[in-house]
Amino acid sequence: MKIAVFGGTRGVGAQVVEQAVKRGHSCRVLARNPESVPDLPEVVAIKGDVLDPDAVSRVLEGCEAVVISLGPTRKSPPTVCSEGTRLIIEAMQRHGIQRVVAVSSMGVGESAQQVPLFFKIVSAIFLRGVMKDKEAQEKILKESPLDWTIVRPGGLFDGPPTGNYQAGVDVDTIAARISRADVASFVLIQLDDETYLRQAPHVT
C-alpha cells in the first residue's frame, strides 16, 4: 500500500513511517524539512506545509490511504490540526482516496471522562487550545464522507512496540500510558481493517 503521512517527521507519525516500510508499504511524507524524513527507497519526502493546499495535494498523488498525525509546534497556528485536516480531506476527495486514520487523544470529545482528574486539570490550564483544536479536527473528520477512523491514545512515551495494549470504544476504560510505537502499530492495522470504521477507538 502507498500511504500519505501528515505529521510523519516526529512522534507517532515518524513511527508510522518506520513501521510501514518494515511491513512492505511505501510512504509519501509532507515535511517542512525533507532532510528529517528517513532516506529510504520506499519513502518520498515532499517539502511543504500542511496548510498549503498545493503541497497537500502533491503528497496524495498515487496514494491509497492517509494517516494524519498532526500536532502543534512553536511555529504553528493554534488551528493547525483542524485546518490541516480540512485541507487534507478536501484534497483526498479530489484524488478519490477514501481511507484515512487520524491520531487524536483520549480526553477529546466523549472520551473526556476516560482521563484522570490530573489530566483534566492540566488540559484546562495548559492544553485548552490544543484540545479545542483536536475537537474541531475530530468534528471535521466525522462530518466527512470518507472512511475515517480516529485513534485516541492515552499518555504517550517513547519506547519499542510491544503489542501489549488494549483498544476499544467502551467508555469505561481509563487512559494509561502507551508507547508511540504501539500507537503507530495500531494505526497501521486500521488501514485495511474495518473493525473501527467511522469510530473513535481508544488505545492504551
N, C-alpha and C. Protein backbone atom coordinates (compact mmCIF):
# COMPACT_ATOMS: atom_id res chain seq x y z
N MET A 1 0.84 -1.19 0.00
CA MET A 1 0.00 0.00 0.00
C MET A 1 0.88 1.25 0.00
N LYS A 2 0.46 2.27 -0.73
CA LYS A 2 1.15 3.56 -0.69
C LYS A 2 0.37 4.49 0.23
N ILE A 3 1.06 4.98 1.26
CA ILE A 3 0.40 5.74 2.33
C ILE A 3 0.92 7.17 2.35
N ALA A 4 0.01 8.13 2.39
CA ALA A 4 0.38 9.53 2.61
C ALA A 4 0.37 9.77 4.11
N VAL A 5 1.46 10.33 4.63
CA VAL A 5 1.58 10.56 6.07
C VAL A 5 1.78 12.05 6.34
N PHE A 6 0.90 12.60 7.13
CA PHE A 6 0.99 14.00 7.53
C PHE A 6 1.34 14.04 9.02
N GLY A 7 2.45 14.70 9.33
CA GLY A 7 2.98 14.65 10.69
C GLY A 7 3.94 13.49 10.85
N GLY A 8 4.62 13.15 9.77
CA GLY A 8 5.45 11.94 9.77
C GLY A 8 6.90 12.15 10.12
N THR A 9 7.25 13.32 10.65
CA THR A 9 8.66 13.58 10.97
C THR A 9 8.96 13.44 12.46
N ARG A 10 7.93 13.25 13.27
CA ARG A 10 8.17 13.11 14.72
C ARG A 10 7.03 12.34 15.36
N GLY A 11 7.26 11.91 16.60
CA GLY A 11 6.22 11.27 17.38
C GLY A 11 5.63 10.03 16.73
N VAL A 12 4.33 9.87 16.87
CA VAL A 12 3.63 8.70 16.33
C VAL A 12 3.79 8.63 14.81
N GLY A 13 3.74 9.79 14.14
CA GLY A 13 3.85 9.81 12.69
C GLY A 13 5.16 9.24 12.19
N ALA A 14 6.26 9.57 12.85
CA ALA A 14 7.57 9.03 12.47
C ALA A 14 7.60 7.51 12.65
N GLN A 15 6.96 7.03 13.72
CA GLN A 15 6.87 5.59 13.94
C GLN A 15 6.01 4.92 12.87
N VAL A 16 4.96 5.60 12.42
CA VAL A 16 4.13 5.07 11.34
C VAL A 16 4.97 4.84 10.09
N VAL A 17 5.78 5.82 9.73
CA VAL A 17 6.62 5.70 8.54
C VAL A 17 7.59 4.54 8.69
N GLU A 18 8.28 4.49 9.82
CA GLU A 18 9.28 3.44 10.05
C GLU A 18 8.66 2.04 9.98
N GLN A 19 7.54 1.87 10.66
CA GLN A 19 6.91 0.55 10.70
C GLN A 19 6.23 0.20 9.37
N ALA A 20 5.71 1.20 8.69
CA ALA A 20 5.07 0.93 7.39
C ALA A 20 6.06 0.33 6.42
N VAL A 21 7.26 0.89 6.38
CA VAL A 21 8.30 0.37 5.48
C VAL A 21 8.64 -1.07 5.84
N LYS A 22 8.76 -1.36 7.13
CA LYS A 22 9.08 -2.72 7.57
C LYS A 22 7.99 -3.71 7.18
N ARG A 23 6.76 -3.20 7.03
CA ARG A 23 5.64 -4.08 6.66
C ARG A 23 5.44 -4.17 5.16
N GLY A 24 6.33 -3.53 4.40
CA GLY A 24 6.26 -3.63 2.95
C GLY A 24 5.49 -2.53 2.25
N HIS A 25 5.07 -1.51 2.99
CA HIS A 25 4.38 -0.38 2.39
C HIS A 25 5.39 0.68 1.92
N SER A 26 4.91 1.64 1.18
CA SER A 26 5.70 2.82 0.84
C SER A 26 4.95 4.05 1.35
N CYS A 27 5.70 5.14 1.58
CA CYS A 27 5.10 6.34 2.17
C CYS A 27 5.51 7.59 1.40
N ARG A 28 4.58 8.53 1.36
CA ARG A 28 4.85 9.88 0.90
C ARG A 28 4.61 10.80 2.09
N VAL A 29 5.63 11.55 2.48
CA VAL A 29 5.59 12.30 3.73
C VAL A 29 5.75 13.79 3.45
N LEU A 30 4.81 14.59 3.98
CA LEU A 30 4.93 16.04 3.88
C LEU A 30 5.83 16.53 5.01
N ALA A 31 6.82 17.37 4.66
CA ALA A 31 7.76 17.84 5.68
C ALA A 31 8.27 19.23 5.32
N ARG A 32 8.29 20.10 6.33
CA ARG A 32 8.90 21.41 6.11
C ARG A 32 10.40 21.27 5.87
N ASN A 33 10.99 20.27 6.51
CA ASN A 33 12.41 19.97 6.33
C ASN A 33 12.55 18.53 5.84
N PRO A 34 12.60 18.31 4.53
CA PRO A 34 12.66 16.94 3.99
C PRO A 34 13.82 16.11 4.52
N GLU A 35 14.91 16.78 4.93
CA GLU A 35 16.05 16.02 5.44
C GLU A 35 15.73 15.31 6.76
N SER A 36 14.61 15.66 7.39
CA SER A 36 14.21 14.99 8.63
C SER A 36 13.45 13.69 8.36
N VAL A 37 13.20 13.40 7.09
CA VAL A 37 12.50 12.18 6.70
C VAL A 37 13.53 11.09 6.38
N PRO A 38 13.33 9.85 6.81
CA PRO A 38 14.29 8.78 6.53
C PRO A 38 14.62 8.65 5.05
N ASP A 39 15.90 8.54 4.76
CA ASP A 39 16.37 8.42 3.37
C ASP A 39 16.30 6.95 2.96
N LEU A 40 15.09 6.54 2.54
CA LEU A 40 14.86 5.16 2.15
C LEU A 40 14.17 5.12 0.79
N PRO A 41 14.41 4.07 0.00
CA PRO A 41 13.78 3.98 -1.32
C PRO A 41 12.26 3.99 -1.25
N GLU A 42 11.71 3.49 -0.13
CA GLU A 42 10.26 3.37 0.00
C GLU A 42 9.60 4.64 0.52
N VAL A 43 10.40 5.65 0.82
CA VAL A 43 9.87 6.88 1.42
C VAL A 43 10.21 8.08 0.55
N VAL A 44 9.17 8.83 0.18
CA VAL A 44 9.36 10.05 -0.60
C VAL A 44 8.95 11.24 0.26
N ALA A 45 9.86 12.19 0.41
CA ALA A 45 9.58 13.40 1.19
C ALA A 45 9.18 14.53 0.25
N ILE A 46 8.08 15.19 0.57
CA ILE A 46 7.60 16.33 -0.21
C ILE A 46 7.71 17.56 0.67
N LYS A 47 8.46 18.53 0.23
CA LYS A 47 8.66 19.75 1.02
C LYS A 47 7.40 20.60 0.98
N GLY A 48 6.99 21.06 2.16
CA GLY A 48 5.81 21.91 2.21
C GLY A 48 5.19 21.93 3.59
N ASP A 49 4.05 22.61 3.66
CA ASP A 49 3.34 22.80 4.91
C ASP A 49 1.92 22.27 4.76
N VAL A 50 1.36 21.71 5.82
CA VAL A 50 0.02 21.12 5.74
C VAL A 50 -1.05 22.17 5.50
N LEU A 51 -0.76 23.44 5.71
CA LEU A 51 -1.72 24.49 5.44
C LEU A 51 -1.61 25.04 4.03
N ASP A 52 -0.78 24.41 3.20
CA ASP A 52 -0.62 24.76 1.79
C ASP A 52 -1.36 23.72 0.96
N PRO A 53 -2.51 24.05 0.37
CA PRO A 53 -3.30 23.07 -0.37
C PRO A 53 -2.52 22.39 -1.50
N ASP A 54 -1.65 23.13 -2.18
CA ASP A 54 -0.89 22.53 -3.28
C ASP A 54 0.07 21.46 -2.77
N ALA A 55 0.73 21.75 -1.64
CA ALA A 55 1.66 20.77 -1.06
C ALA A 55 0.90 19.52 -0.61
N VAL A 56 -0.24 19.72 0.02
CA VAL A 56 -1.06 18.59 0.46
C VAL A 56 -1.46 17.72 -0.73
N SER A 57 -1.86 18.35 -1.80
CA SER A 57 -2.28 17.62 -2.99
C SER A 57 -1.12 16.81 -3.58
N ARG A 58 0.08 17.37 -3.57
CA ARG A 58 1.25 16.65 -4.12
C ARG A 58 1.55 15.39 -3.31
N VAL A 59 1.39 15.47 -2.01
CA VAL A 59 1.66 14.31 -1.17
C VAL A 59 0.71 13.16 -1.50
N LEU A 60 -0.52 13.47 -1.83
CA LEU A 60 -1.55 12.45 -2.05
C LEU A 60 -1.44 11.74 -3.40
N GLU A 61 -0.61 12.21 -4.28
CA GLU A 61 -0.53 11.64 -5.62
C GLU A 61 -0.18 10.15 -5.57
N GLY A 62 -1.06 9.32 -6.13
CA GLY A 62 -0.82 7.89 -6.21
C GLY A 62 -1.05 7.11 -4.93
N CYS A 63 -1.52 7.77 -3.88
CA CYS A 63 -1.69 7.09 -2.59
C CYS A 63 -3.05 6.41 -2.48
N GLU A 64 -3.09 5.39 -1.63
CA GLU A 64 -4.32 4.63 -1.42
C GLU A 64 -4.95 4.88 -0.05
N ALA A 65 -4.18 5.42 0.87
CA ALA A 65 -4.68 5.67 2.22
C ALA A 65 -3.88 6.81 2.84
N VAL A 66 -4.44 7.38 3.92
CA VAL A 66 -3.83 8.55 4.55
C VAL A 66 -3.77 8.35 6.05
N VAL A 67 -2.65 8.75 6.63
CA VAL A 67 -2.51 8.81 8.09
C VAL A 67 -2.24 10.26 8.47
N ILE A 68 -3.03 10.77 9.41
CA ILE A 68 -2.88 12.14 9.91
C ILE A 68 -2.42 12.06 11.36
N SER A 69 -1.23 12.56 11.61
CA SER A 69 -0.69 12.57 12.97
C SER A 69 -0.14 13.97 13.27
N LEU A 70 -1.01 14.94 13.10
CA LEU A 70 -0.60 16.33 13.27
C LEU A 70 -0.59 16.73 14.74
N GLY A 71 0.29 17.67 15.06
CA GLY A 71 0.35 18.22 16.40
C GLY A 71 0.93 19.61 16.34
N PRO A 72 0.67 20.42 17.34
CA PRO A 72 1.15 21.80 17.33
C PRO A 72 2.66 21.88 17.55
N THR A 73 3.27 22.88 16.96
CA THR A 73 4.67 23.21 17.23
C THR A 73 4.72 24.67 17.67
N ARG A 74 5.89 25.12 18.04
CA ARG A 74 6.02 26.51 18.48
C ARG A 74 5.69 27.49 17.37
N LYS A 75 5.87 27.06 16.11
CA LYS A 75 5.66 27.97 14.99
C LYS A 75 4.30 27.81 14.32
N SER A 76 3.55 26.80 14.70
CA SER A 76 2.29 26.54 14.00
C SER A 76 1.16 27.37 14.59
N PRO A 77 0.14 27.68 13.78
CA PRO A 77 -1.04 28.39 14.30
C PRO A 77 -1.85 27.47 15.21
N PRO A 78 -2.71 28.02 16.06
CA PRO A 78 -3.45 27.20 17.03
C PRO A 78 -4.46 26.26 16.41
N THR A 79 -4.77 26.43 15.12
CA THR A 79 -5.75 25.56 14.47
C THR A 79 -5.10 24.64 13.44
N VAL A 80 -3.83 24.33 13.62
CA VAL A 80 -3.11 23.56 12.60
C VAL A 80 -3.72 22.17 12.40
N CYS A 81 -4.18 21.52 13.46
CA CYS A 81 -4.74 20.18 13.32
C CYS A 81 -6.06 20.19 12.57
N SER A 82 -6.97 21.08 12.97
CA SER A 82 -8.29 21.13 12.33
C SER A 82 -8.22 21.68 10.92
N GLU A 83 -7.49 22.78 10.74
CA GLU A 83 -7.42 23.37 9.41
C GLU A 83 -6.62 22.47 8.46
N GLY A 84 -5.53 21.89 8.95
CA GLY A 84 -4.77 20.97 8.12
C GLY A 84 -5.60 19.77 7.70
N THR A 85 -6.38 19.24 8.64
CA THR A 85 -7.22 18.08 8.33
C THR A 85 -8.30 18.45 7.32
N ARG A 86 -8.86 19.63 7.44
CA ARG A 86 -9.87 20.06 6.46
C ARG A 86 -9.28 20.09 5.05
N LEU A 87 -8.08 20.62 4.92
CA LEU A 87 -7.43 20.68 3.60
C LEU A 87 -7.09 19.29 3.08
N ILE A 88 -6.66 18.41 3.98
CA ILE A 88 -6.36 17.03 3.57
C ILE A 88 -7.61 16.33 3.06
N ILE A 89 -8.72 16.48 3.78
CA ILE A 89 -9.97 15.84 3.38
C ILE A 89 -10.43 16.35 2.01
N GLU A 90 -10.36 17.64 1.81
CA GLU A 90 -10.75 18.21 0.52
C GLU A 90 -9.89 17.65 -0.60
N ALA A 91 -8.59 17.53 -0.36
CA ALA A 91 -7.69 17.00 -1.38
C ALA A 91 -7.92 15.51 -1.60
N MET A 92 -8.20 14.77 -0.54
CA MET A 92 -8.49 13.35 -0.69
C MET A 92 -9.69 13.12 -1.60
N GLN A 93 -10.71 13.95 -1.44
CA GLN A 93 -11.89 13.80 -2.28
C GLN A 93 -11.57 14.07 -3.75
N ARG A 94 -10.71 15.05 -3.99
CA ARG A 94 -10.31 15.33 -5.37
C ARG A 94 -9.50 14.17 -5.96
N HIS A 95 -8.70 13.52 -5.12
CA HIS A 95 -7.85 12.41 -5.59
C HIS A 95 -8.57 11.06 -5.54
N GLY A 96 -9.77 11.04 -5.00
CA GLY A 96 -10.52 9.79 -4.95
C GLY A 96 -9.99 8.81 -3.91
N ILE A 97 -9.42 9.31 -2.81
CA ILE A 97 -8.91 8.46 -1.73
C ILE A 97 -9.94 8.44 -0.60
N GLN A 98 -10.29 7.25 -0.12
CA GLN A 98 -11.35 7.14 0.88
C GLN A 98 -10.85 6.90 2.30
N ARG A 99 -9.78 6.14 2.46
CA ARG A 99 -9.40 5.68 3.81
C ARG A 99 -8.45 6.66 4.49
N VAL A 100 -8.83 7.06 5.71
CA VAL A 100 -7.99 7.97 6.50
C VAL A 100 -8.05 7.55 7.97
N VAL A 101 -6.88 7.49 8.59
CA VAL A 101 -6.78 7.21 10.02
C VAL A 101 -6.07 8.39 10.66
N ALA A 102 -6.71 9.00 11.65
CA ALA A 102 -6.16 10.20 12.29
C ALA A 102 -5.89 9.93 13.76
N VAL A 103 -4.77 10.46 14.25
CA VAL A 103 -4.41 10.31 15.66
C VAL A 103 -4.89 11.53 16.42
N SER A 104 -5.73 11.30 17.43
CA SER A 104 -6.23 12.37 18.29
C SER A 104 -5.70 12.13 19.70
N SER A 105 -6.55 12.12 20.70
CA SER A 105 -6.10 11.90 22.08
C SER A 105 -7.27 11.51 22.96
N MET A 106 -7.04 10.62 23.91
CA MET A 106 -8.05 10.40 24.94
C MET A 106 -8.21 11.70 25.71
N GLY A 107 -9.43 12.01 26.06
CA GLY A 107 -9.74 13.29 26.68
C GLY A 107 -10.49 14.21 25.74
N VAL A 108 -10.49 13.86 24.44
CA VAL A 108 -11.20 14.65 23.45
C VAL A 108 -12.62 14.12 23.30
N GLY A 109 -13.57 15.04 23.16
CA GLY A 109 -14.95 14.64 22.92
C GLY A 109 -15.52 13.80 24.04
N GLU A 110 -16.23 12.73 23.66
CA GLU A 110 -16.90 11.89 24.66
C GLU A 110 -15.93 11.08 25.50
N SER A 111 -14.64 11.09 25.14
CA SER A 111 -13.65 10.35 25.94
C SER A 111 -13.11 11.18 27.10
N ALA A 112 -13.66 12.37 27.32
CA ALA A 112 -13.18 13.24 28.41
C ALA A 112 -13.27 12.56 29.76
N GLN A 113 -14.30 11.71 29.94
CA GLN A 113 -14.48 11.04 31.22
C GLN A 113 -13.48 9.91 31.43
N GLN A 114 -12.69 9.57 30.39
CA GLN A 114 -11.78 8.44 30.49
C GLN A 114 -10.37 8.83 30.95
N VAL A 115 -10.14 10.11 31.18
CA VAL A 115 -8.82 10.54 31.61
C VAL A 115 -8.84 10.89 33.10
N PRO A 116 -7.72 10.72 33.80
CA PRO A 116 -7.67 11.03 35.23
C PRO A 116 -7.91 12.51 35.50
N LEU A 117 -8.30 12.81 36.72
CA LEU A 117 -8.58 14.18 37.12
C LEU A 117 -7.37 15.08 36.89
N PHE A 118 -6.17 14.57 37.17
CA PHE A 118 -4.96 15.37 36.98
C PHE A 118 -4.84 15.85 35.55
N PHE A 119 -5.10 14.94 34.59
CA PHE A 119 -5.00 15.32 33.19
C PHE A 119 -6.07 16.35 32.83
N LYS A 120 -7.25 16.23 33.40
CA LYS A 120 -8.31 17.20 33.13
C LYS A 120 -7.89 18.60 33.59
N ILE A 121 -7.25 18.65 34.75
CA ILE A 121 -6.80 19.93 35.28
C ILE A 121 -5.70 20.52 34.40
N VAL A 122 -4.72 19.68 34.04
CA VAL A 122 -3.63 20.13 33.17
C VAL A 122 -4.16 20.62 31.83
N SER A 123 -5.11 19.87 31.27
CA SER A 123 -5.68 20.25 29.97
C SER A 123 -6.40 21.59 30.06
N ALA A 124 -7.14 21.77 31.14
CA ALA A 124 -7.91 23.01 31.30
C ALA A 124 -6.99 24.22 31.44
N ILE A 125 -5.83 24.02 32.07
CA ILE A 125 -4.93 25.14 32.32
C ILE A 125 -3.96 25.37 31.17
N PHE A 126 -3.34 24.28 30.69
CA PHE A 126 -2.23 24.43 29.74
C PHE A 126 -2.55 23.98 28.31
N LEU A 127 -3.53 23.10 28.16
CA LEU A 127 -3.76 22.49 26.84
C LEU A 127 -5.13 22.83 26.27
N ARG A 128 -5.75 23.85 26.78
CA ARG A 128 -7.11 24.18 26.34
C ARG A 128 -7.18 24.39 24.83
N GLY A 129 -6.23 25.16 24.29
CA GLY A 129 -6.23 25.43 22.85
C GLY A 129 -5.97 24.18 22.04
N VAL A 130 -5.04 23.34 22.50
CA VAL A 130 -4.71 22.11 21.79
C VAL A 130 -5.93 21.18 21.75
N MET A 131 -6.59 21.01 22.89
CA MET A 131 -7.75 20.12 22.95
C MET A 131 -8.91 20.66 22.13
N LYS A 132 -9.08 21.96 22.13
CA LYS A 132 -10.13 22.57 21.32
C LYS A 132 -9.87 22.32 19.83
N ASP A 133 -8.60 22.42 19.42
CA ASP A 133 -8.24 22.17 18.03
C ASP A 133 -8.48 20.70 17.68
N LYS A 134 -8.14 19.79 18.59
CA LYS A 134 -8.37 18.36 18.35
C LYS A 134 -9.87 18.06 18.25
N GLU A 135 -10.67 18.70 19.07
CA GLU A 135 -12.12 18.50 18.99
C GLU A 135 -12.65 18.97 17.64
N ALA A 136 -12.16 20.11 17.17
CA ALA A 136 -12.58 20.60 15.85
C ALA A 136 -12.11 19.66 14.75
N GLN A 137 -10.90 19.13 14.90
CA GLN A 137 -10.38 18.17 13.93
C GLN A 137 -11.27 16.94 13.85
N GLU A 138 -11.63 16.40 15.00
CA GLU A 138 -12.49 15.22 15.02
C GLU A 138 -13.85 15.51 14.38
N LYS A 139 -14.40 16.67 14.65
CA LYS A 139 -15.70 17.03 14.08
C LYS A 139 -15.63 17.08 12.56
N ILE A 140 -14.56 17.63 12.03
CA ILE A 140 -14.38 17.71 10.57
C ILE A 140 -14.31 16.30 9.97
N LEU A 141 -13.58 15.41 10.61
CA LEU A 141 -13.48 14.04 10.12
C LEU A 141 -14.83 13.34 10.16
N LYS A 142 -15.53 13.47 11.28
CA LYS A 142 -16.81 12.77 11.45
C LYS A 142 -17.87 13.26 10.47
N GLU A 143 -17.78 14.50 10.07
CA GLU A 143 -18.76 15.05 9.13
C GLU A 143 -18.38 14.81 7.67
N SER A 144 -17.21 14.24 7.43
CA SER A 144 -16.76 13.99 6.06
C SER A 144 -17.38 12.70 5.52
N PRO A 145 -17.40 12.54 4.19
CA PRO A 145 -17.93 11.31 3.60
C PRO A 145 -16.88 10.21 3.49
N LEU A 146 -15.72 10.40 4.08
CA LEU A 146 -14.62 9.45 3.94
C LEU A 146 -14.78 8.26 4.89
N ASP A 147 -13.96 7.25 4.66
CA ASP A 147 -13.89 6.09 5.54
C ASP A 147 -12.85 6.39 6.63
N TRP A 148 -13.28 7.05 7.68
CA TRP A 148 -12.35 7.54 8.69
C TRP A 148 -12.34 6.65 9.93
N THR A 149 -11.21 6.67 10.60
CA THR A 149 -11.08 6.14 11.95
C THR A 149 -10.24 7.13 12.74
N ILE A 150 -10.71 7.48 13.92
CA ILE A 150 -9.98 8.39 14.81
C ILE A 150 -9.40 7.56 15.95
N VAL A 151 -8.08 7.58 16.09
CA VAL A 151 -7.40 6.81 17.13
C VAL A 151 -7.07 7.73 18.29
N ARG A 152 -7.55 7.37 19.48
CA ARG A 152 -7.32 8.19 20.68
C ARG A 152 -6.39 7.45 21.65
N PRO A 153 -5.11 7.76 21.64
CA PRO A 153 -4.19 7.11 22.57
C PRO A 153 -4.23 7.74 23.96
N GLY A 154 -3.74 6.97 24.93
CA GLY A 154 -3.56 7.51 26.27
C GLY A 154 -2.27 8.30 26.33
N GLY A 155 -1.64 8.35 27.49
CA GLY A 155 -0.41 9.11 27.65
C GLY A 155 0.73 8.50 26.86
N LEU A 156 1.40 9.30 26.06
CA LEU A 156 2.42 8.79 25.15
C LEU A 156 3.82 8.86 25.74
N PHE A 157 4.62 7.84 25.41
CA PHE A 157 6.04 7.87 25.75
C PHE A 157 6.81 7.15 24.66
N ASP A 158 8.11 7.39 24.59
CA ASP A 158 8.95 6.73 23.59
C ASP A 158 9.35 5.35 24.10
N GLY A 159 9.24 4.39 23.21
CA GLY A 159 9.61 3.02 23.56
C GLY A 159 9.30 2.11 22.40
N PRO A 160 9.79 0.89 22.42
CA PRO A 160 9.58 -0.05 21.31
C PRO A 160 8.15 -0.55 21.26
N PRO A 161 7.73 -1.05 20.10
CA PRO A 161 6.40 -1.65 20.02
C PRO A 161 6.36 -2.96 20.82
N THR A 162 5.33 -3.13 21.63
CA THR A 162 5.22 -4.32 22.46
C THR A 162 4.02 -5.19 22.07
N GLY A 163 3.02 -4.57 21.46
CA GLY A 163 1.78 -5.29 21.20
C GLY A 163 0.94 -5.47 22.45
N ASN A 164 1.43 -4.97 23.57
CA ASN A 164 0.74 -5.13 24.85
C ASN A 164 -0.09 -3.89 25.15
N TYR A 165 -1.20 -3.76 24.47
CA TYR A 165 -2.09 -2.63 24.67
C TYR A 165 -3.52 -3.10 24.47
N GLN A 166 -4.46 -2.28 24.87
CA GLN A 166 -5.87 -2.60 24.65
C GLN A 166 -6.54 -1.47 23.89
N ALA A 167 -7.49 -1.84 23.07
CA ALA A 167 -8.21 -0.86 22.26
C ALA A 167 -9.69 -1.18 22.29
N GLY A 168 -10.50 -0.16 22.07
CA GLY A 168 -11.94 -0.37 22.03
C GLY A 168 -12.68 0.95 22.05
N VAL A 169 -13.98 0.87 22.08
CA VAL A 169 -14.81 2.07 22.08
C VAL A 169 -15.68 2.17 23.33
N ASP A 170 -15.46 1.26 24.30
CA ASP A 170 -16.20 1.37 25.54
C ASP A 170 -15.74 2.60 26.31
N VAL A 171 -16.60 3.15 27.14
CA VAL A 171 -16.28 4.39 27.85
C VAL A 171 -15.81 4.13 29.27
N ASP A 172 -15.62 2.86 29.63
CA ASP A 172 -15.21 2.53 30.99
C ASP A 172 -13.70 2.44 31.15
N THR A 173 -12.98 2.30 30.03
CA THR A 173 -11.52 2.18 30.09
C THR A 173 -10.89 3.52 30.46
N ILE A 174 -10.02 3.51 31.44
CA ILE A 174 -9.32 4.73 31.86
C ILE A 174 -7.98 4.82 31.15
N ALA A 175 -7.62 6.00 30.73
CA ALA A 175 -6.38 6.21 29.99
C ALA A 175 -5.16 5.77 30.79
N ALA A 176 -4.23 5.13 30.11
CA ALA A 176 -2.95 4.74 30.69
C ALA A 176 -1.86 5.06 29.68
N ARG A 177 -0.62 4.90 30.08
CA ARG A 177 0.49 5.20 29.19
C ARG A 177 0.65 4.14 28.12
N ILE A 178 1.06 4.59 26.93
CA ILE A 178 1.30 3.69 25.81
C ILE A 178 2.42 4.26 24.96
N SER A 179 3.25 3.39 24.42
CA SER A 179 4.37 3.88 23.60
C SER A 179 3.86 4.38 22.25
N ARG A 180 4.55 5.35 21.73
CA ARG A 180 4.21 5.88 20.41
C ARG A 180 4.32 4.79 19.34
N ALA A 181 5.25 3.86 19.54
CA ALA A 181 5.41 2.76 18.59
C ALA A 181 4.20 1.84 18.59
N ASP A 182 3.62 1.58 19.76
CA ASP A 182 2.41 0.75 19.80
C ASP A 182 1.22 1.46 19.17
N VAL A 183 1.12 2.77 19.37
CA VAL A 183 0.04 3.52 18.71
C VAL A 183 0.19 3.44 17.20
N ALA A 184 1.42 3.60 16.71
CA ALA A 184 1.67 3.53 15.27
C ALA A 184 1.30 2.16 14.71
N SER A 185 1.62 1.12 15.46
CA SER A 185 1.26 -0.23 15.03
C SER A 185 -0.25 -0.38 14.90
N PHE A 186 -0.98 0.13 15.88
CA PHE A 186 -2.45 0.07 15.84
C PHE A 186 -2.99 0.88 14.66
N VAL A 187 -2.41 2.04 14.42
CA VAL A 187 -2.84 2.89 13.29
C VAL A 187 -2.69 2.13 11.97
N LEU A 188 -1.56 1.49 11.77
CA LEU A 188 -1.32 0.78 10.51
C LEU A 188 -2.29 -0.39 10.33
N ILE A 189 -2.62 -1.05 11.42
CA ILE A 189 -3.59 -2.16 11.33
C ILE A 189 -4.93 -1.65 10.81
N GLN A 190 -5.31 -0.43 11.21
CA GLN A 190 -6.63 0.11 10.84
C GLN A 190 -6.76 0.39 9.35
N LEU A 191 -5.64 0.56 8.66
CA LEU A 191 -5.71 0.96 7.26
C LEU A 191 -6.43 -0.06 6.38
N ASP A 192 -6.33 -1.34 6.74
CA ASP A 192 -7.06 -2.34 5.95
C ASP A 192 -7.94 -3.22 6.84
N ASP A 193 -8.41 -2.64 7.93
CA ASP A 193 -9.31 -3.33 8.86
C ASP A 193 -10.51 -2.42 9.11
N GLU A 194 -11.72 -2.95 8.97
CA GLU A 194 -12.92 -2.14 9.11
C GLU A 194 -13.58 -2.26 10.49
N THR A 195 -12.87 -2.85 11.45
CA THR A 195 -13.44 -3.04 12.78
C THR A 195 -13.90 -1.71 13.37
N TYR A 196 -13.08 -0.67 13.20
CA TYR A 196 -13.40 0.63 13.79
C TYR A 196 -13.70 1.67 12.71
N LEU A 197 -14.29 1.22 11.61
CA LEU A 197 -14.65 2.15 10.55
C LEU A 197 -15.67 3.15 11.06
N ARG A 198 -15.38 4.45 10.86
CA ARG A 198 -16.20 5.58 11.33
C ARG A 198 -16.46 5.51 12.83
N GLN A 199 -15.43 5.12 13.56
CA GLN A 199 -15.48 5.09 15.01
C GLN A 199 -14.21 5.74 15.56
N ALA A 200 -14.20 5.99 16.86
CA ALA A 200 -13.05 6.62 17.51
C ALA A 200 -12.57 5.76 18.66
N PRO A 201 -11.84 4.68 18.37
CA PRO A 201 -11.37 3.80 19.44
C PRO A 201 -10.25 4.42 20.26
N HIS A 202 -10.24 4.09 21.55
CA HIS A 202 -9.08 4.45 22.38
C HIS A 202 -8.05 3.34 22.24
N VAL A 203 -6.81 3.66 22.50
CA VAL A 203 -5.75 2.66 22.56
C VAL A 203 -4.84 3.05 23.71
N THR A 204 -4.66 2.11 24.65
CA THR A 204 -3.96 2.46 25.87
C THR A 204 -3.35 1.23 26.54
